[in-house]
């Protein structure tokens, strides 16, 4: 890898590592703090689904740690083992995923936008990079603008993956805001627990910002290589 790559990528990589550390450390801290009402994550889910009009959502278990997610197609919230415990961390995670369910129910515009580009984004993240470097190699060994054109196609495809990470930001921030409101509205958190919920959700938000920063940094690196090759 070139020195130019590290100029673009290193700050975003460091940020991503810090964000992951923040999530892990906050989860470890607040998963050891039991909820005042001794409600498990599943109990919290039941209360919120009943009171927030989300009883159509199914709850399933999933393996791994911090693998929790909401599936808008199946209307299913999948919870990992750590999120089923009676802890402040579990409350934060469950409420966040149900925030996505609330978005889905009302047709939240950014969630719909993300769902609309997820297919091309998945293709762009893999095929875009492949086409870009194939185009650069082709331009080295052949004359004419074919290689440059292929590389541009790669950049355009990869841009869809970058757009996905950017659209994800308002989706995740909004889900966290909804989570905090739902927990407070239903009287499930004390003042101290609210601080833990905020810490958990703010740390999680950093990981999405870091993912967007890494994607943008890689796109800028591609553009810089393309510009230099063109010159």
Protein backbone atom coordinates (compact mmCIF):
# COMPACT_ATOMS: atom_id res chain seq x y z
CA UNK A 1 0.00 0.00 0.00
CA UNK A 2 1.20 3.49 -0.81
CA UNK A 3 1.95 6.27 1.65
CA UNK A 4 -0.94 8.21 0.07
CA UNK A 5 -3.34 5.47 1.15
CA UNK A 6 -2.32 5.84 4.78
CA UNK A 7 -2.74 9.61 4.58
CA UNK A 8 -6.38 9.07 3.66
CA UNK A 9 -7.12 5.91 5.64
CA UNK A 10 -5.13 6.13 8.87
CA UNK A 11 -7.17 8.85 10.65
CA UNK A 12 -10.43 7.03 9.86
CA UNK A 13 -8.93 3.70 10.98
CA UNK A 14 -7.82 5.17 14.31
CA UNK A 15 -11.25 6.73 14.78
CA UNK A 16 -12.92 3.37 14.05
CA UNK A 17 -10.73 1.55 16.58
CA UNK A 18 -11.52 4.17 19.21
CA UNK A 19 -15.25 3.90 18.46
CA UNK A 20 -15.15 0.11 18.83
CA UNK A 21 -13.31 0.47 22.13
CA UNK A 22 -15.93 2.93 23.37
CA UNK A 23 -18.75 0.52 22.53
CA UNK A 24 -17.02 -2.42 24.16
CA UNK A 25 -16.04 -0.54 27.31
CA UNK A 26 -19.48 1.01 27.77
CA UNK A 27 -21.20 -2.31 27.17
CA UNK A 28 -18.96 -4.03 29.72
CA UNK A 29 -19.63 -1.26 32.25
CA UNK A 30 -23.40 -0.95 31.88
CA UNK A 31 -24.08 -4.65 31.38
CA UNK A 32 -22.91 -5.06 34.99
CA UNK A 33 -25.41 -2.47 36.23
CA UNK A 34 -28.81 -4.10 36.83
CA UNK A 35 -31.96 -2.19 35.98
CA UNK A 36 -33.72 -0.72 39.00
CA UNK A 37 -36.89 -2.64 38.17
CA UNK A 38 -34.94 -5.84 37.51
CA UNK A 39 -36.46 -6.08 34.03
CA UNK A 40 -34.67 -8.23 31.49
CA UNK A 41 -34.18 -7.04 27.93
CA UNK A 42 -37.09 -9.21 26.87
CA UNK A 43 -39.28 -7.70 29.58
CA UNK A 44 -38.38 -4.20 28.41
CA UNK A 45 -39.19 -5.22 24.85
CA UNK A 46 -42.63 -6.48 25.88
CA UNK A 47 -43.47 -3.27 27.76
CA UNK A 48 -42.36 -1.03 24.92
CA UNK A 49 -44.04 -3.08 22.22
CA UNK A 50 -47.32 -3.09 24.14
CA UNK A 51 -47.30 0.62 25.00
CA UNK A 52 -45.81 1.95 21.77
CA UNK A 53 -48.04 0.07 19.34
CA UNK A 54 -45.30 -2.32 18.24
CA UNK A 55 -46.92 -5.61 19.24
CA UNK A 56 -46.63 -6.84 15.65
CA UNK A 57 -42.85 -7.15 16.09
CA UNK A 58 -41.52 -10.66 16.73
CA UNK A 59 -38.58 -11.24 19.08
CA UNK A 60 -35.95 -13.86 18.30
CA UNK A 61 -32.57 -14.83 19.76
CA UNK A 62 -29.37 -14.55 17.76
CA UNK A 63 -25.87 -15.76 18.51
CA UNK A 64 -22.82 -13.62 19.08
CA UNK A 65 -22.26 -10.44 21.05
CA UNK A 66 -23.77 -7.08 20.06
CA UNK A 67 -25.26 -8.69 16.97
CA UNK A 68 -28.70 -7.27 17.74
CA UNK A 69 -30.69 -5.85 14.85
CA UNK A 70 -34.18 -5.19 13.54
CA UNK A 71 -35.27 -6.85 10.30
CA UNK A 72 -37.82 -4.59 8.56
CA UNK A 73 -38.78 -7.26 6.04
CA UNK A 74 -39.69 -9.89 8.59
CA UNK A 75 -40.73 -7.38 11.29
CA UNK A 76 -38.39 -9.24 13.64
CA UNK A 77 -36.11 -7.92 16.36
CA UNK A 78 -33.20 -10.27 16.98
CA UNK A 79 -31.47 -10.03 20.35
CA UNK A 80 -28.13 -11.46 21.39
CA UNK A 81 -27.61 -13.09 24.77
CA UNK A 82 -26.24 -9.94 26.42
CA UNK A 83 -29.33 -7.98 25.44
CA UNK A 84 -31.72 -10.33 27.21
CA UNK A 85 -30.20 -9.71 30.65
CA UNK A 86 -31.65 -7.36 33.33
CA UNK A 87 -29.12 -4.59 32.74
CA UNK A 88 -28.96 -0.95 31.68
CA UNK A 89 -27.02 -1.97 28.57
CA UNK A 90 -29.77 -4.39 27.56
CA UNK A 91 -32.43 -1.70 27.97
CA UNK A 92 -30.51 0.66 25.70
CA UNK A 93 -29.99 -1.95 22.97
CA UNK A 94 -33.56 -3.24 23.02
CA UNK A 95 -35.03 0.26 22.93
CA UNK A 96 -32.74 1.23 20.05
CA UNK A 97 -33.84 -1.73 17.94
CA UNK A 98 -37.46 -0.95 18.70
CA UNK A 99 -36.69 2.59 17.60
CA UNK A 100 -36.03 1.07 14.18
CA UNK A 101 -39.32 -0.80 14.42
CA UNK A 102 -41.11 2.49 15.10
CA UNK A 103 -39.37 4.03 12.09
CA UNK A 104 -40.50 1.12 9.96
CA UNK A 105 -44.08 1.41 11.18
CA UNK A 106 -44.37 5.10 10.28
CA UNK A 107 -42.38 4.83 7.04
CA UNK A 108 -39.48 6.99 8.21
CA UNK A 109 -38.03 8.56 5.07
CA UNK A 110 -34.37 7.85 5.77
CA UNK A 111 -35.06 4.21 6.62
CA UNK A 112 -36.91 3.83 3.33
CA UNK A 113 -34.07 5.56 1.50
CA UNK A 114 -31.52 3.19 3.03
CA UNK A 115 -33.64 0.17 2.11
CA UNK A 116 -33.85 1.51 -1.44
CA UNK A 117 -30.09 1.62 -1.98
CA UNK A 118 -28.94 -1.36 0.05
CA UNK A 119 -28.82 -3.64 -2.99
CA UNK A 120 -26.67 -1.42 -5.17
CA UNK A 121 -24.58 -0.49 -2.13
CA UNK A 122 -23.73 -4.15 -1.48
CA UNK A 123 -22.71 -4.55 -5.11
CA UNK A 124 -20.79 -1.28 -5.11
CA UNK A 125 -18.75 -2.07 -2.02
CA UNK A 126 -17.30 -5.19 -3.67
CA UNK A 127 -17.58 -4.78 -7.43
CA UNK A 128 -16.75 -1.07 -7.29
CA UNK A 129 -13.34 -1.66 -5.72
CA UNK A 130 -12.62 -4.53 -8.12
CA UNK A 131 -13.52 -2.47 -11.19
CA UNK A 132 -11.51 0.50 -9.97
CA UNK A 133 -8.23 -1.37 -9.58
CA UNK A 134 -8.89 -3.44 -12.72
CA UNK A 135 -9.35 -0.18 -14.61
CA UNK A 136 -6.08 1.22 -13.25
CA UNK A 137 -4.20 -1.92 -14.29
CA UNK A 138 -5.84 -1.87 -17.70
CA UNK A 139 -4.84 1.74 -18.24
CA UNK A 140 -1.22 0.81 -17.44
CA UNK A 141 -0.97 -1.91 -20.08
CA UNK A 142 -3.22 -0.55 -22.80
CA UNK A 143 -3.57 2.65 -24.71
CA UNK A 144 -6.74 4.67 -24.90
CA UNK A 145 -9.27 5.57 -22.27
CA UNK A 146 -10.87 2.15 -21.68
CA UNK A 147 -9.03 1.54 -18.43
CA UNK A 148 -9.84 5.02 -17.18
CA UNK A 149 -13.51 4.50 -18.04
CA UNK A 150 -13.60 1.19 -16.16
CA UNK A 151 -11.98 2.86 -13.15
CA UNK A 152 -14.59 5.63 -13.21
CA UNK A 153 -17.32 2.99 -13.26
CA UNK A 154 -15.73 1.49 -10.17
CA UNK A 155 -15.74 4.85 -8.39
CA UNK A 156 -19.39 5.41 -9.27
CA UNK A 157 -20.37 1.98 -7.94
CA UNK A 158 -18.34 2.44 -4.77
CA UNK A 159 -20.03 5.82 -4.27
CA UNK A 160 -23.29 3.93 -3.72
CA UNK A 161 -21.68 2.13 -0.77
CA UNK A 162 -20.50 5.47 0.60
CA UNK A 163 -23.99 6.91 0.20
CA UNK A 164 -25.37 3.97 2.20
CA UNK A 165 -23.08 4.72 5.15
CA UNK A 166 -24.10 8.39 5.06
CA UNK A 167 -27.83 7.64 4.87
CA UNK A 168 -27.37 5.23 7.78
CA UNK A 169 -26.36 8.10 10.07
CA UNK A 170 -29.77 9.82 10.40
CA UNK A 171 -31.43 6.39 10.65
CA UNK A 172 -29.29 5.37 13.62
CA UNK A 173 -29.32 8.77 15.35
CA UNK A 174 -33.10 8.92 15.08
CA UNK A 175 -33.51 5.36 16.41
CA UNK A 176 -31.40 6.27 19.44
CA UNK A 177 -33.44 9.43 20.06
CA UNK A 178 -36.64 7.38 19.88
CA UNK A 179 -35.14 4.81 22.26
CA UNK A 180 -34.41 7.44 24.92
CA UNK A 181 -37.88 8.94 24.57
CA UNK A 182 -39.63 5.57 24.79
CA UNK A 183 -37.74 4.51 27.90
CA UNK A 184 -38.47 7.80 29.64
CA UNK A 185 -42.10 7.93 28.50
CA UNK A 186 -42.75 4.46 29.89
CA UNK A 187 -40.97 5.09 33.19
CA UNK A 188 -38.43 2.33 32.64
CA UNK A 189 -35.26 4.28 33.53
CA UNK A 190 -34.06 6.27 36.52
CA UNK A 191 -31.87 9.36 36.14
CA UNK A 192 -28.73 7.29 36.63
CA UNK A 193 -29.91 4.64 34.20
CA UNK A 194 -30.68 7.34 31.63
CA UNK A 195 -27.02 8.35 31.83
CA UNK A 196 -26.01 4.78 31.09
CA UNK A 197 -28.45 4.54 28.19
CA UNK A 198 -27.06 7.77 26.75
CA UNK A 199 -23.50 6.50 27.11
CA UNK A 200 -24.35 3.24 25.37
CA UNK A 201 -26.23 4.81 22.49
CA UNK A 202 -23.71 7.63 21.97
CA UNK A 203 -20.88 5.11 21.82
CA UNK A 204 -22.80 3.01 19.30
CA UNK A 205 -23.41 6.12 17.19
CA UNK A 206 -19.65 6.65 16.94
CA UNK A 207 -19.27 3.33 15.13
CA UNK A 208 -21.62 4.48 12.36
CA UNK A 209 -19.80 7.80 12.06
CA UNK A 210 -16.52 5.87 11.87
CA UNK A 211 -17.88 3.58 9.13
CA UNK A 212 -18.96 6.61 7.11
CA UNK A 213 -15.57 8.27 7.64
CA UNK A 214 -13.74 5.16 6.44
CA UNK A 215 -15.93 4.87 3.36
CA UNK A 216 -15.47 8.55 2.47
CA UNK A 217 -11.71 8.29 3.04
CA UNK A 218 -11.47 5.33 0.68
CA UNK A 219 -13.53 7.12 -1.95
CA UNK A 220 -11.26 10.17 -1.74
CA UNK A 221 -8.25 7.88 -2.09
CA UNK A 222 -9.72 6.37 -5.25
CA UNK A 223 -10.41 9.82 -6.67
CA UNK A 224 -6.88 10.98 -5.88
CA UNK A 225 -5.39 7.96 -7.68
CA UNK A 226 -7.68 8.50 -10.63
CA UNK A 227 -6.81 12.17 -10.82
CA UNK A 228 -3.10 11.44 -10.70
CA UNK A 229 -3.37 8.76 -13.39
CA UNK A 230 -5.38 11.12 -15.60
CA UNK A 231 -2.77 13.85 -15.23
